[in-house]
Amino acid sequence: MGSSLSDVRAFPVEARRTVGYQLRRVQQGLKPTDWKPMTTIGPGVTEIRVRGRLEHRVVYTSKFEEAVYVLHAFTKKTQRTRQSDLDLARDRLRAVEAERRNRKER
């Protein structure tokens, strides 16, 4: 969703590889190896944590049968996740839900 793909592509090579591996696990119905539920964004939303010299995060939902939706990807610079990152992921989740509703109504 949004700029998530280009945001992941801006991660360092090793972080990109880790994100790709973790998302592949999710597509196969497995849990990522380092994750946290993000219920403040919405039910079924999970954060993949990529640890290294810098901390990277990928927020996604896999609660819909047709796809894994990456809502937001960012580099974390402090212990606490910025409110703007949470808000952006929440807005993108709402957009996914609205898009799905519109498809069903057609």
PDB file of N, CA and C in Angstrom:
ATOM      1  N   MET A   1       0.844  -1.184   0.000  1.00  0.00           N
ATOM      2  CA  MET A   1       0.000   0.000   0.000  1.00  0.00           C
ATOM      3  C   MET A   1       0.885   1.242   0.000  1.00  0.00           C
ATOM      4  N   GLY A   2       0.448   2.249  -0.683  1.00  0.00           N
ATOM      5  CA  GLY A   2       1.172   3.518  -0.672  1.00  0.00           C
ATOM      6  C   GLY A   2       2.614   3.352  -1.105  1.00  0.00           C
ATOM      7  N   SER A   3       3.502   3.916  -0.322  1.00  0.00           N
ATOM      8  CA  SER A   3       4.935   3.898  -0.646  1.00  0.00           C
ATOM      9  C   SER A   3       5.675   2.722  -0.009  1.00  0.00           C
ATOM     10  N   SER A   4       4.964   1.743   0.509  1.00  0.00           N
ATOM     11  CA  SER A   4       5.608   0.647   1.249  1.00  0.00           C
ATOM     12  C   SER A   4       6.676  -0.081   0.441  1.00  0.00           C
ATOM     13  N   LEU A   5       6.398  -0.354  -0.826  1.00  0.00           N
ATOM     14  CA  LEU A   5       7.381  -1.069  -1.645  1.00  0.00           C
ATOM     15  C   LEU A   5       8.654  -0.243  -1.809  1.00  0.00           C
ATOM     16  N   SER A   6       8.522   1.022  -2.146  1.00  0.00           N
ATOM     17  CA  SER A   6       9.725   1.853  -2.309  1.00  0.00           C
ATOM     18  C   SER A   6      10.416   2.083  -0.969  1.00  0.00           C
ATOM     19  N   ASP A   7       9.661   2.111   0.116  1.00  0.00           N
ATOM     20  CA  ASP A   7      10.271   2.258   1.442  1.00  0.00           C
ATOM     21  C   ASP A   7      11.125   1.037   1.783  1.00  0.00           C
ATOM     22  N   VAL A   8      10.622  -0.159   1.491  1.00  0.00           N
ATOM     23  CA  VAL A   8      11.404  -1.378   1.736  1.00  0.00           C
ATOM     24  C   VAL A   8      12.637  -1.389   0.837  1.00  0.00           C
ATOM     25  N   ARG A   9      12.469  -0.969  -0.406  1.00  0.00           N
ATOM     26  CA  ARG A   9      13.603  -0.942  -1.332  1.00  0.00           C
ATOM     27  C   ARG A   9      14.694   0.025  -0.886  1.00  0.00           C
ATOM     28  N   ALA A  10      14.351   0.990  -0.046  1.00  0.00           N
ATOM     29  CA  ALA A  10      15.337   1.945   0.480  1.00  0.00           C
ATOM     30  C   ALA A  10      16.100   1.383   1.684  1.00  0.00           C
ATOM     31  N   PHE A  11      15.646   0.256   2.238  1.00  0.00           N
ATOM     32  CA  PHE A  11      16.357  -0.382   3.352  1.00  0.00           C
ATOM     33  C   PHE A  11      17.714  -0.885   2.853  1.00  0.00           C
ATOM     34  N   PRO A  12      18.676  -1.055   3.753  1.00  0.00           N
ATOM     35  CA  PRO A  12      19.944  -1.689   3.369  1.00  0.00           C
ATOM     36  C   PRO A  12      19.694  -3.107   2.844  1.00  0.00           C
ATOM     37  N   VAL A  13      20.609  -3.611   2.037  1.00  0.00           N
ATOM     38  CA  VAL A  13      20.448  -4.908   1.373  1.00  0.00           C
ATOM     39  C   VAL A  13      20.076  -6.022   2.349  1.00  0.00           C
ATOM     40  N   GLU A  14      20.782  -6.134   3.448  1.00  0.00           N
ATOM     41  CA  GLU A  14      20.515  -7.226   4.388  1.00  0.00           C
ATOM     42  C   GLU A  14      19.113  -7.118   4.989  1.00  0.00           C
ATOM     43  N   ALA A  15      18.669  -5.910   5.298  1.00  0.00           N
ATOM     44  CA  ALA A  15      17.314  -5.716   5.839  1.00  0.00           C
ATOM     45  C   ALA A  15      16.270  -6.079   4.783  1.00  0.00           C
ATOM     46  N   ARG A  16      16.519  -5.717   3.517  1.00  0.00           N
ATOM     47  CA  ARG A  16      15.587  -6.078   2.436  1.00  0.00           C
ATOM     48  C   ARG A  16      15.465  -7.595   2.310  1.00  0.00           C
ATOM     49  N   ARG A  17      16.593  -8.279   2.380  1.00  0.00           N
ATOM     50  CA  ARG A  17      16.559  -9.744   2.295  1.00  0.00           C
ATOM     51  C   ARG A  17      15.744 -10.335   3.434  1.00  0.00           C
ATOM     52  N   THR A  18      15.961  -9.820   4.625  1.00  0.00           N
ATOM     53  CA  THR A  18      15.227 -10.316   5.789  1.00  0.00           C
ATOM     54  C   THR A  18      13.736 -10.057   5.633  1.00  0.00           C
ATOM     55  N   VAL A  19      13.362  -8.862   5.188  1.00  0.00           N
ATOM     56  CA  VAL A  19      11.943  -8.540   4.993  1.00  0.00           C
ATOM     57  C   VAL A  19      11.331  -9.482   3.953  1.00  0.00           C
ATOM     58  N   GLY A  20      12.034  -9.703   2.847  1.00  0.00           N
ATOM     59  CA  GLY A  20      11.533 -10.609   1.815  1.00  0.00           C
ATOM     60  C   GLY A  20      11.318 -12.018   2.349  1.00  0.00           C
ATOM     61  N   TYR A  21      12.279 -12.499   3.108  1.00  0.00           N
ATOM     62  CA  TYR A  21      12.171 -13.834   3.707  1.00  0.00           C
ATOM     63  C   TYR A  21      10.982 -13.903   4.664  1.00  0.00           C
ATOM     64  N   GLN A  22      10.850 -12.896   5.504  1.00  0.00           N
ATOM     65  CA  GLN A  22       9.759 -12.890   6.491  1.00  0.00           C
ATOM     66  C   GLN A  22       8.392 -12.803   5.810  1.00  0.00           C
ATOM     67  N   LEU A  23       8.277 -11.973   4.776  1.00  0.00           N
ATOM     68  CA  LEU A  23       6.997 -11.863   4.066  1.00  0.00           C
ATOM     69  C   LEU A  23       6.669 -13.166   3.332  1.00  0.00           C
ATOM     70  N   ARG A  24       7.676 -13.851   2.835  1.00  0.00           N
ATOM     71  CA  ARG A  24       7.450 -15.148   2.196  1.00  0.00           C
ATOM     72  C   ARG A  24       6.898 -16.145   3.223  1.00  0.00           C
ATOM     73  N   ARG A  25       7.437 -16.123   4.432  1.00  0.00           N
ATOM     74  CA  ARG A  25       6.920 -16.984   5.501  1.00  0.00           C
ATOM     75  C   ARG A  25       5.443 -16.697   5.739  1.00  0.00           C
ATOM     76  N   VAL A  26       5.098 -15.410   5.788  1.00  0.00           N
ATOM     77  CA  VAL A  26       3.700 -15.013   6.016  1.00  0.00           C
ATOM     78  C   VAL A  26       2.822 -15.533   4.874  1.00  0.00           C
ATOM     79  N   GLN A  27       3.289 -15.404   3.636  1.00  0.00           N
ATOM     80  CA  GLN A  27       2.518 -15.896   2.484  1.00  0.00           C
ATOM     81  C   GLN A  27       2.296 -17.407   2.566  1.00  0.00           C
ATOM     82  N   GLN A  28       3.208 -18.101   3.187  1.00  0.00           N
ATOM     83  CA  GLN A  28       3.095 -19.553   3.330  1.00  0.00           C
ATOM     84  C   GLN A  28       2.264 -19.949   4.551  1.00  0.00           C
ATOM     85  N   GLY A  29       1.726 -18.961   5.263  1.00  0.00           N
ATOM     86  CA  GLY A  29       0.888 -19.239   6.421  1.00  0.00           C
ATOM     87  C   GLY A  29       1.650 -19.375   7.726  1.00  0.00           C
ATOM     88  N   LEU A  30       2.931 -19.023   7.707  1.00  0.00           N
ATOM     89  CA  LEU A  30       3.768 -19.093   8.912  1.00  0.00           C
ATOM     90  C   LEU A  30       3.880 -17.712   9.550  1.00  0.00           C
ATOM     91  N   LYS A  31       4.308 -17.696  10.790  1.00  0.00           N
ATOM     92  CA  LYS A  31       4.566 -16.427  11.482  1.00  0.00           C
ATOM     93  C   LYS A  31       5.985 -15.965  11.165  1.00  0.00           C
ATOM     94  N   PRO A  32       6.219 -14.649  11.143  1.00  0.00           N
ATOM     95  CA  PRO A  32       7.600 -14.174  11.033  1.00  0.00           C
ATOM     96  C   PRO A  32       8.390 -14.622  12.267  1.00  0.00           C
ATOM     97  N   THR A  33       9.702 -14.606  12.179  1.00  0.00           N
ATOM     98  CA  THR A  33      10.503 -15.061  13.314  1.00  0.00           C
ATOM     99  C   THR A  33      10.597 -14.002  14.412  1.00  0.00           C
ATOM    100  N   ASP A  34      10.467 -12.725  14.075  1.00  0.00           N
ATOM    101  CA  ASP A  34      10.504 -11.647  15.073  1.00  0.00           C
ATOM    102  C   ASP A  34       9.365 -10.691  14.748  1.00  0.00           C
ATOM    103  N   TRP A  35       8.312 -10.747  15.543  1.00  0.00           N
ATOM    104  CA  TRP A  35       7.105  -9.980  15.239  1.00  0.00           C
ATOM    105  C   TRP A  35       6.401  -9.530  16.511  1.00  0.00           C
ATOM    106  N   LYS A  36       5.443  -8.638  16.305  1.00  0.00           N
ATOM    107  CA  LYS A  36       4.640  -8.129  17.415  1.00  0.00           C
ATOM    108  C   LYS A  36       3.260  -7.763  16.870  1.00  0.00           C
ATOM    109  N   PRO A  37       2.197  -8.141  17.561  1.00  0.00           N
ATOM    110  CA  PRO A  37       0.863  -7.720  17.116  1.00  0.00           C
ATOM    111  C   PRO A  37       0.714  -6.208  17.289  1.00  0.00           C
ATOM    112  N   MET A  38       0.051  -5.579  16.354  1.00  0.00           N
ATOM    113  CA  MET A  38      -0.154  -4.120  16.397  1.00  0.00           C
ATOM    114  C   MET A  38      -1.652  -3.828  16.496  1.00  0.00           C
ATOM    115  N   THR A  39      -2.245  -4.220  17.602  1.00  0.00           N
ATOM    116  CA  THR A  39      -3.684  -4.058  17.784  1.00  0.00           C
ATOM    117  C   THR A  39      -4.095  -2.587  17.860  1.00  0.00           C
ATOM    118  N   THR A  40      -3.156  -1.688  18.152  1.00  0.00           N
ATOM    119  CA  THR A  40      -3.495  -0.262  18.171  1.00  0.00           C
ATOM    120  C   THR A  40      -3.794   0.244  16.757  1.00  0.00           C
ATOM    121  N   ILE A  41      -3.286  -0.452  15.743  1.00  0.00           N
ATOM    122  CA  ILE A  41      -3.586  -0.088  14.355  1.00  0.00           C
ATOM    123  C   ILE A  41      -4.885  -0.744  13.929  1.00  0.00           C
ATOM    124  N   GLY A  42      -5.048  -2.009  14.287  1.00  0.00           N
ATOM    125  CA  GLY A  42      -6.270  -2.716  13.950  1.00  0.00           C
ATOM    126  C   GLY A  42      -6.119  -4.200  14.208  1.00  0.00           C
ATOM    127  N   PRO A  43      -7.228  -4.917  14.305  1.00  0.00           N
ATOM    128  CA  PRO A  43      -7.155  -6.362  14.521  1.00  0.00           C
ATOM    129  C   PRO A  43      -6.519  -7.033  13.311  1.00  0.00           C
ATOM    130  N   GLY A  44      -5.645  -8.004  13.578  1.00  0.00           N
ATOM    131  CA  GLY A  44      -4.998  -8.731  12.497  1.00  0.00           C
ATOM    132  C   GLY A  44      -3.788  -8.038  11.902  1.00  0.00           C
ATOM    133  N   VAL A  45      -3.347  -6.947  12.513  1.00  0.00           N
ATOM    134  CA  VAL A  45      -2.177  -6.223  12.008  1.00  0.00           C
ATOM    135  C   VAL A  45      -0.954  -6.640  12.823  1.00  0.00           C
ATOM    136  N   THR A  46       0.146  -6.908  12.114  1.00  0.00           N
ATOM    137  CA  THR A  46       1.371  -7.399  12.727  1.00  0.00           C
ATOM    138  C   THR A  46       2.552  -6.572  12.260  1.00  0.00           C
ATOM    139  N   GLU A  47       3.549  -6.458  13.120  1.00  0.00           N
ATOM    140  CA  GLU A  47       4.775  -5.748  12.790  1.00  0.00           C
ATOM    141  C   GLU A  47       5.916  -6.753  12.724  1.00  0.00           C
ATOM    142  N   ILE A  48       6.638  -6.757  11.601  1.00  0.00           N
ATOM    143  CA  ILE A  48       7.865  -7.544  11.479  1.00  0.00           C
ATOM    144  C   ILE A  48       9.000  -6.651  11.965  1.00  0.00           C
ATOM    145  N   ARG A  49       9.818  -7.188  12.863  1.00  0.00           N
ATOM    146  CA  ARG A  49      10.951  -6.421  13.396  1.00  0.00           C
ATOM    147  C   ARG A  49      12.242  -6.945  12.788  1.00  0.00           C
ATOM    148  N   VAL A  50      12.982  -6.049  12.166  1.00  0.00           N
ATOM    149  CA  VAL A  50      14.275  -6.390  11.587  1.00  0.00           C
ATOM    150  C   VAL A  50      15.328  -5.634  12.387  1.00  0.00           C
ATOM    151  N   ARG A  51      16.129  -6.398  13.109  1.00  0.00           N
ATOM    152  CA  ARG A  51      17.119  -5.791  13.993  1.00  0.00           C
ATOM    153  C   ARG A  51      18.494  -5.837  13.340  1.00  0.00           C
ATOM    154  N   GLY A  52      19.247  -4.799  13.578  1.00  0.00           N
ATOM    155  CA  GLY A  52      20.599  -4.704  13.035  1.00  0.00           C
ATOM    156  C   GLY A  52      21.209  -3.406  13.515  1.00  0.00           C
ATOM    157  N   ARG A  53      22.110  -2.858  12.705  1.00  0.00           N
ATOM    158  CA  ARG A  53      22.686  -1.568  13.065  1.00  0.00           C
ATOM    159  C   ARG A  53      21.572  -0.526  13.206  1.00  0.00           C
ATOM    160  N   LEU A  54      20.602  -0.607  12.308  1.00  0.00           N
ATOM    161  CA  LEU A  54      19.384   0.200  12.393  1.00  0.00           C
ATOM    162  C   LEU A  54      18.205  -0.747  12.589  1.00  0.00           C
ATOM    163  N   GLU A  55      17.156  -0.236  13.175  1.00  0.00           N
ATOM    164  CA  GLU A  55      15.939  -1.027  13.367  1.00  0.00           C
ATOM    165  C   GLU A  55      14.962  -0.707  12.240  1.00  0.00           C
ATOM    166  N   HIS A  56      14.464  -1.739  11.568  1.00  0.00           N
ATOM    167  CA  HIS A  56      13.494  -1.557  10.489  1.00  0.00           C
ATOM    168  C   HIS A  56      12.209  -2.276  10.874  1.00  0.00           C
ATOM    169  N   ARG A  57      11.098  -1.713  10.434  1.00  0.00           N
ATOM    170  CA  ARG A  57       9.797  -2.299  10.735  1.00  0.00           C
ATOM    171  C   ARG A  57       8.953  -2.371   9.476  1.00  0.00           C
ATOM    172  N   VAL A  58       8.189  -3.446   9.361  1.00  0.00           N
ATOM    173  CA  VAL A  58       7.227  -3.614   8.283  1.00  0.00           C
ATOM    174  C   VAL A  58       5.907  -3.988   8.937  1.00  0.00           C
ATOM    175  N   VAL A  59       4.894  -3.184   8.711  1.00  0.00           N
ATOM    176  CA  VAL A  59       3.571  -3.410   9.292  1.00  0.00           C
ATOM    177  C   VAL A  59       2.675  -3.979   8.188  1.00  0.00           C
ATOM    178  N   TYR A  60       2.025  -5.102   8.482  1.00  0.00           N
ATOM    179  CA  TYR A  60       1.217  -5.761   7.458  1.00  0.00           C
ATOM    180  C   TYR A  60      -0.022  -6.383   8.084  1.00  0.00           C
ATOM    181  N   THR A  61      -0.944  -6.773   7.209  1.00  0.00           N
ATOM    182  CA  THR A  61      -2.070  -7.589   7.637  1.00  0.00           C
ATOM    183  C   THR A  61      -2.207  -8.744   6.665  1.00  0.00           C
ATOM    184  N   SER A  62      -2.470  -9.905   7.212  1.00  0.00           N
ATOM    185  CA  SER A  62      -2.698 -11.102   6.382  1.00  0.00           C
ATOM    186  C   SER A  62      -4.060 -11.706   6.716  1.00  0.00           C
ATOM    187  N   LYS A  63      -4.944 -10.882   7.235  1.00  0.00           N
ATOM    188  CA  LYS A  63      -6.242 -11.405   7.651  1.00  0.00           C
ATOM    189  C   LYS A  63      -7.205 -11.602   6.480  1.00  0.00           C
ATOM    190  N   PHE A  64      -6.826 -11.124   5.305  1.00  0.00           N
ATOM    191  CA  PHE A  64      -7.682 -11.286   4.131  1.00  0.00           C
ATOM    192  C   PHE A  64      -7.137 -12.429   3.277  1.00  0.00           C
ATOM    193  N   GLU A  65      -8.026 -13.232   2.763  1.00  0.00           N
ATOM    194  CA  GLU A  65      -7.638 -14.435   2.043  1.00  0.00           C
ATOM    195  C   GLU A  65      -6.843 -14.163   0.769  1.00  0.00           C
ATOM    196  N   GLU A  66      -7.140 -13.061   0.096  1.00  0.00           N
ATOM    197  CA  GLU A  66      -6.568 -12.839  -1.229  1.00  0.00           C
ATOM    198  C   GLU A  66      -5.144 -12.296  -1.240  1.00  0.00           C
ATOM    199  N   ALA A  67      -4.664 -11.731  -0.130  1.00  0.00           N
ATOM    200  CA  ALA A  67      -3.337 -11.102  -0.184  1.00  0.00           C
ATOM    201  C   ALA A  67      -2.802 -10.786   1.202  1.00  0.00           C
ATOM    202  N   VAL A  68      -1.489 -10.583   1.244  1.00  0.00           N
ATOM    203  CA  VAL A  68      -0.831  -9.988   2.403  1.00  0.00           C
ATOM    204  C   VAL A  68      -0.648  -8.522   2.030  1.00  0.00           C
ATOM    205  N   TYR A  69      -1.196  -7.633   2.818  1.00  0.00           N
ATOM    206  CA  TYR A  69      -1.105  -6.195   2.543  1.00  0.00           C
ATOM    207  C   TYR A  69      -0.041  -5.579   3.434  1.00  0.00           C
ATOM    208  N   VAL A  70       1.016  -5.052   2.819  1.00  0.00           N
ATOM    209  CA  VAL A  70       2.037  -4.321   3.565  1.00  0.00           C
ATOM    210  C   VAL A  70       1.522  -2.892   3.693  1.00  0.00           C
ATOM    211  N   LEU A  71       1.257  -2.486   4.921  1.00  0.00           N
ATOM    212  CA  LEU A  71       0.651  -1.183   5.179  1.00  0.00           C
ATOM    213  C   LEU A  71       1.685  -0.081   5.308  1.00  0.00           C
ATOM    214  N   HIS A  72       2.851  -0.405   5.862  1.00  0.00           N
ATOM    215  CA  HIS A  72       3.866   0.623   6.082  1.00  0.00           C
ATOM    216  C   HIS A  72       5.208  -0.048   6.346  1.00  0.00           C
ATOM    217  N   ALA A  73       6.283   0.597   5.899  1.00  0.00           N
ATOM    218  CA  ALA A  73       7.643   0.134   6.166  1.00  0.00           C
ATOM    219  C   ALA A  73       8.474   1.357   6.511  1.00  0.00           C
ATOM    220  N   PHE A  74       9.257   1.252   7.580  1.00  0.00           N
ATOM    221  CA  PHE A  74      10.013   2.417   8.029  1.00  0.00           C
ATOM    222  C   PHE A  74      11.207   2.002   8.868  1.00  0.00           C
ATOM    223  N   THR A  75      12.129   2.929   9.013  1.00  0.00           N
ATOM    224  CA  THR A  75      13.281   2.744   9.884  1.00  0.00           C
ATOM    225  C   THR A  75      12.944   3.379  11.217  1.00  0.00           C
ATOM    226  N   LYS A  76      13.141   2.632  12.255  1.00  0.00           N
ATOM    227  CA  LYS A  76      12.793   3.097  13.595  1.00  0.00           C
ATOM    228  C   LYS A  76      14.029   3.726  14.233  1.00  0.00           C
ATOM    229  N   LYS A  77      13.876   4.955  14.692  1.00  0.00           N
ATOM    230  CA  LYS A  77      15.021   5.688  15.222  1.00  0.00           C
ATOM    231  C   LYS A  77      14.997   5.841  16.736  1.00  0.00           C
ATOM    232  N   THR A  78      13.854   5.546  17.343  1.00  0.00           N
ATOM    233  CA  THR A  78      13.733   5.632  18.799  1.00  0.00           C
ATOM    234  C   THR A  78      13.078   4.351  19.312  1.00  0.00           C
ATOM    235  N   GLN A  79      13.057   4.194  20.614  1.00  0.00           N
ATOM    236  CA  GLN A  79      12.433   3.025  21.242  1.00  0.00           C
ATOM    237  C   GLN A  79      10.944   2.958  20.928  1.00  0.00           C
ATOM    238  N   ARG A  80      10.308   4.094  20.921  1.00  0.00           N
ATOM    239  CA  ARG A  80       8.867   4.165  20.717  1.00  0.00           C
ATOM    240  C   ARG A  80       8.537   4.450  19.253  1.00  0.00           C
ATOM    241  N   THR A  81       7.507   3.800  18.733  1.00  0.00           N
ATOM    242  CA  THR A  81       7.077   4.035  17.357  1.00  0.00           C
ATOM    243  C   THR A  81       6.377   5.387  17.285  1.00  0.00           C
ATOM    244  N   ARG A  82       6.772   6.183  16.291  1.00  0.00           N
ATOM    245  CA  ARG A  82       6.180   7.521  16.138  1.00  0.00           C
ATOM    246  C   ARG A  82       4.686   7.419  15.843  1.00  0.00           C
ATOM    247  N   GLN A  83       3.940   8.356  16.384  1.00  0.00           N
ATOM    248  CA  GLN A  83       2.499   8.390  16.157  1.00  0.00           C
ATOM    249  C   GLN A  83       2.177   8.524  14.668  1.00  0.00           C
ATOM    250  N   SER A  84       2.987   9.274  13.938  1.00  0.00           N
ATOM    251  CA  SER A  84       2.739   9.453  12.501  1.00  0.00           C
ATOM    252  C   SER A  84       2.851   8.111  11.754  1.00  0.00           C
ATOM    253  N   ASP A  85       3.764   7.229  12.183  1.00  0.00           N
ATOM    254  CA  ASP A  85       3.879   5.908  11.562  1.00  0.00           C
ATOM    255  C   ASP A  85       2.643   5.056  11.869  1.00  0.00           C
ATOM    256  N   LEU A  86       2.171   5.119  13.096  1.00  0.00           N
ATOM    257  CA  LEU A  86       0.961   4.382  13.475  1.00  0.00           C
ATOM    258  C   LEU A  86      -0.250   4.894  12.699  1.00  0.00           C
ATOM    259  N   ASP A  87      -0.372   6.211  12.603  1.00  0.00           N
ATOM    260  CA  ASP A  87      -1.502   6.812  11.891  1.00  0.00           C
ATOM    261  C   ASP A  87      -1.504   6.442  10.409  1.00  0.00           C
ATOM    262  N   LEU A  88      -0.328   6.471   9.794  1.00  0.00           N
ATOM    263  CA  LEU A  88      -0.229   6.132   8.373  1.00  0.00           C
ATOM    264  C   LEU A  88      -0.645   4.676   8.139  1.00  0.00           C
ATOM    265  N   ALA A  89      -0.166   3.766   8.956  1.00  0.00           N
ATOM    266  CA  ALA A  89      -0.549   2.358   8.822  1.00  0.00           C
ATOM    267  C   ALA A  89      -2.054   2.183   9.040  1.00  0.00           C
ATOM    268  N   ARG A  90      -2.608   2.874  10.002  1.00  0.00           N
ATOM    269  CA  ARG A  90      -4.053   2.799  10.278  1.00  0.00           C
ATOM    270  C   ARG A  90      -4.859   3.320   9.085  1.00  0.00           C
ATOM    271  N   ASP A  91      -4.412   4.431   8.496  1.00  0.00           N
ATOM    272  CA  ASP A  91      -5.100   4.993   7.323  1.00  0.00           C
ATOM    273  C   ASP A  91      -5.051   4.024   6.144  1.00  0.00           C
ATOM    274  N   ARG A  92      -3.910   3.386   5.953  1.00  0.00           N
ATOM    275  CA  ARG A  92      -3.785   2.444   4.843  1.00  0.00           C
ATOM    276  C   ARG A  92      -4.617   1.190   5.078  1.00  0.00           C
ATOM    277  N   LEU A  93      -4.746   0.760   6.325  1.00  0.00           N
ATOM    278  CA  LEU A  93      -5.628  -0.366   6.639  1.00  0.00           C
ATOM    279  C   LEU A  93      -7.068   0.000   6.299  1.00  0.00           C
ATOM    280  N   ARG A  94      -7.488   1.177   6.658  1.00  0.00           N
ATOM    281  CA  ARG A  94      -8.850   1.635   6.315  1.00  0.00           C
ATOM    282  C   ARG A  94      -9.051   1.657   4.803  1.00  0.00           C
ATOM    283  N   ALA A  95      -8.025   2.076   4.064  1.00  0.00           N
ATOM    284  CA  ALA A  95      -8.112   2.112   2.602  1.00  0.00           C
ATOM    285  C   ALA A  95      -8.279   0.702   2.036  1.00  0.00           C
ATOM    286  N   VAL A  96      -7.557  -0.272   2.578  1.00  0.00           N
ATOM    287  CA  VAL A  96      -7.694  -1.662   2.138  1.00  0.00           C
ATOM    288  C   VAL A  96      -9.113  -2.142   2.402  1.00  0.00           C
ATOM    289  N   GLU A  97      -9.613  -1.877   3.589  1.00  0.00           N
ATOM    290  CA  GLU A  97     -10.964  -2.317   3.946  1.00  0.00           C
ATOM    291  C   GLU A  97     -12.014  -1.663   3.059  1.00  0.00           C
ATOM    292  N   ALA A  98     -11.851  -0.371   2.756  1.00  0.00           N
ATOM    293  CA  ALA A  98     -12.797   0.334   1.882  1.00  0.00           C
ATOM    294  C   ALA A  98     -12.739  -0.230   0.462  1.00  0.00           C
ATOM    295  N   GLU A  99     -11.555  -0.498  -0.026  1.00  0.00           N
ATOM    296  CA  GLU A  99     -11.386  -1.059  -1.370  1.00  0.00           C
ATOM    297  C   GLU A  99     -12.049  -2.424  -1.475  1.00  0.00           C
ATOM    298  N   ARG A 100     -11.902  -3.239  -0.443  1.00  0.00           N
ATOM    299  CA  ARG A 100     -12.507  -4.564  -0.426  1.00  0.00           C
ATOM    300  C   ARG A 100     -14.038  -4.457  -0.399  1.00  0.00           C
ATOM    301  N   ARG A 101     -14.553  -3.513   0.392  1.00  0.00           N
ATOM    302  CA  ARG A 101     -16.015  -3.313   0.438  1.00  0.00           C
ATOM    303  C   ARG A 101     -16.535  -2.901  -0.934  1.00  0.00           C
ATOM    304  N   ASN A 102     -15.823  -1.982  -1.594  1.00  0.00           N
ATOM    305  CA  ASN A 102     -16.248  -1.507  -2.912  1.00  0.00           C
ATOM    306  C   ASN A 102     -16.259  -2.633  -3.937  1.00  0.00           C
ATOM    307  N   ARG A 103     -15.282  -3.536  -3.880  1.00  0.00           N
ATOM    308  CA  ARG A 103     -15.233  -4.674  -4.806  1.00  0.00           C
ATOM    309  C   ARG A 103     -16.415  -5.607  -4.588  1.00  0.00           C
ATOM    310  N   LYS A 104     -16.800  -5.802  -3.330  1.00  0.00           N
ATOM    311  CA  LYS A 104     -17.921  -6.698  -3.027  1.00  0.00           C
ATOM    312  C   LYS A 104     -19.242  -6.123  -3.514  1.00  0.00           C
ATOM    313  N   GLU A 105     -19.362  -4.795  -3.496  1.00  0.00           N
ATOM    314  CA  GLU A 105     -20.609  -4.142  -3.877  1.00  0.00           C
ATOM    315  C   GLU A 105     -20.829  -4.167  -5.384  1.00  0.00           C
ATOM    316  N   ARG A 106     -19.793  -4.393  -6.159  1.00  0.00           N
ATOM    317  CA  ARG A 106     -19.928  -4.395  -7.631  1.00  0.00           C
ATOM    318  C   ARG A 106     -20.536  -5.651  -8.137  1.00  0.00           C
TER     319      ARG A 106
END
